[in-house]
Amino acid sequence: MPPSPTMQQTPVDTGHMLPRHEKKSAIGPVVGIIVIFLVMIFGALYFWGASQDREPEQLPFIPGDSTQ
């Protein structure tokens, strides 16, 4: 069998094989953060209002029928 020629290993440049880097919009994450903050604020207001309703109110004064 005759000897086979050896192939030279050349470094592969993968830079042209990668997809182009596109500038992505930052609107999605910003909107998500705003929605999370709004939900947290409304939740805090809801629980604060519920705690205000649970506090005991001052009972009205009802005079008794004591005769002295």
C-alpha atoms as a PDB file:
ATOM      1  CA  MET A   1       0.000   0.000   0.000  1.00  0.00           C
ATOM      2  CA  PRO A   2       1.415   3.366  -0.927  1.00  0.00           C
ATOM      3  CA  PRO A   3       1.717   5.914   1.872  1.00  0.00           C
ATOM      4  CA  SER A   4      -1.154   8.373   1.959  1.00  0.00           C
ATOM      5  CA  PRO A   5      -0.333  12.058   1.868  1.00  0.00           C
ATOM      6  CA  THR A   6      -0.851  13.804   5.192  1.00  0.00           C
ATOM      7  CA  MET A   7      -3.193  16.735   5.246  1.00  0.00           C
ATOM      8  CA  GLN A   8      -2.065  19.863   6.961  1.00  0.00           C
ATOM      9  CA  GLN A   9      -4.226  20.985   9.834  1.00  0.00           C
ATOM     10  CA  THR A  10      -5.166  24.614   9.371  1.00  0.00           C
ATOM     11  CA  PRO A  11      -6.830  26.538  12.178  1.00  0.00           C
ATOM     12  CA  VAL A  12     -10.517  26.951  11.568  1.00  0.00           C
ATOM     13  CA  ASP A  13     -11.796  30.497  11.796  1.00  0.00           C
ATOM     14  CA  THR A  14     -15.282  30.177  13.272  1.00  0.00           C
ATOM     15  CA  GLY A  15     -15.872  33.930  13.303  1.00  0.00           C
ATOM     16  CA  HIS A  16     -17.694  33.812  10.004  1.00  0.00           C
ATOM     17  CA  MET A  17     -19.792  30.827  11.102  1.00  0.00           C
ATOM     18  CA  LEU A  18     -21.312  32.519  14.143  1.00  0.00           C
ATOM     19  CA  PRO A  19     -24.563  34.443  13.705  1.00  0.00           C
ATOM     20  CA  ARG A  20     -24.225  38.176  13.584  1.00  0.00           C
ATOM     21  CA  HIS A  21     -24.674  39.917  16.915  1.00  0.00           C
ATOM     22  CA  GLU A  22     -27.865  41.888  16.718  1.00  0.00           C
ATOM     23  CA  LYS A  23     -28.624  44.698  19.109  1.00  0.00           C
ATOM     24  CA  LYS A  24     -31.449  43.550  21.298  1.00  0.00           C
ATOM     25  CA  SER A  25     -34.020  45.883  22.702  1.00  0.00           C
ATOM     26  CA  ALA A  26     -34.083  46.405  26.459  1.00  0.00           C
ATOM     27  CA  ILE A  27     -37.782  47.226  26.482  1.00  0.00           C
ATOM     28  CA  GLY A  28     -38.908  43.732  27.503  1.00  0.00           C
ATOM     29  CA  PRO A  29     -36.922  43.476  30.746  1.00  0.00           C
ATOM     30  CA  VAL A  30     -37.791  47.076  31.679  1.00  0.00           C
ATOM     31  CA  VAL A  31     -41.504  46.418  31.201  1.00  0.00           C
ATOM     32  CA  GLY A  32     -41.188  43.223  33.245  1.00  0.00           C
ATOM     33  CA  ILE A  33     -39.531  45.074  36.127  1.00  0.00           C
ATOM     34  CA  ILE A  34     -42.204  47.788  36.034  1.00  0.00           C
ATOM     35  CA  VAL A  35     -44.972  45.170  36.135  1.00  0.00           C
ATOM     36  CA  ILE A  36     -43.323  43.432  39.103  1.00  0.00           C
ATOM     37  CA  PHE A  37     -43.027  46.723  41.003  1.00  0.00           C
ATOM     38  CA  LEU A  38     -46.657  47.608  40.285  1.00  0.00           C
ATOM     39  CA  VAL A  39     -47.836  44.217  41.551  1.00  0.00           C
ATOM     40  CA  MET A  40     -45.739  44.662  44.693  1.00  0.00           C
ATOM     41  CA  ILE A  41     -47.135  48.161  45.315  1.00  0.00           C
ATOM     42  CA  PHE A  42     -50.746  47.058  44.829  1.00  0.00           C
ATOM     43  CA  GLY A  43     -50.150  44.036  47.069  1.00  0.00           C
ATOM     44  CA  ALA A  44     -48.657  46.236  49.783  1.00  0.00           C
ATOM     45  CA  LEU A  45     -51.610  48.628  49.579  1.00  0.00           C
ATOM     46  CA  TYR A  46     -54.038  45.707  49.745  1.00  0.00           C
ATOM     47  CA  PHE A  47     -52.436  44.224  52.862  1.00  0.00           C
ATOM     48  CA  TRP A  48     -52.072  47.652  54.475  1.00  0.00           C
ATOM     49  CA  GLY A  49     -55.779  48.324  53.898  1.00  0.00           C
ATOM     50  CA  ALA A  50     -56.684  44.905  55.285  1.00  0.00           C
ATOM     51  CA  SER A  51     -54.627  45.565  58.414  1.00  0.00           C
ATOM     52  CA  GLN A  52     -56.352  48.921  58.868  1.00  0.00           C
ATOM     53  CA  ASP A  53     -59.740  47.194  58.826  1.00  0.00           C
ATOM     54  CA  ARG A  54     -58.675  44.720  61.525  1.00  0.00           C
ATOM     55  CA  GLU A  55     -57.745  47.346  64.097  1.00  0.00           C
ATOM     56  CA  PRO A  56     -60.428  47.627  66.770  1.00  0.00           C
ATOM     57  CA  GLU A  57     -62.506  50.745  66.621  1.00  0.00           C
ATOM     58  CA  GLN A  58     -63.548  52.698  69.673  1.00  0.00           C
ATOM     59  CA  LEU A  59     -66.840  51.369  70.958  1.00  0.00           C
ATOM     60  CA  PRO A  60     -69.682  53.863  71.153  1.00  0.00           C
ATOM     61  CA  PHE A  61     -70.689  55.103  74.579  1.00  0.00           C
ATOM     62  CA  ILE A  62     -74.012  53.607  75.672  1.00  0.00           C
ATOM     63  CA  PRO A  63     -75.233  54.938  79.006  1.00  0.00           C
ATOM     64  CA  GLY A  64     -76.679  52.400  81.402  1.00  0.00           C
ATOM     65  CA  ASP A  65     -79.985  52.484  83.265  1.00  0.00           C
ATOM     66  CA  SER A  66     -78.457  53.018  86.649  1.00  0.00           C
ATOM     67  CA  THR A  67     -80.712  55.010  88.944  1.00  0.00           C
ATOM     68  CA  GLN A  68     -79.064  56.581  91.926  1.00  0.00           C
END
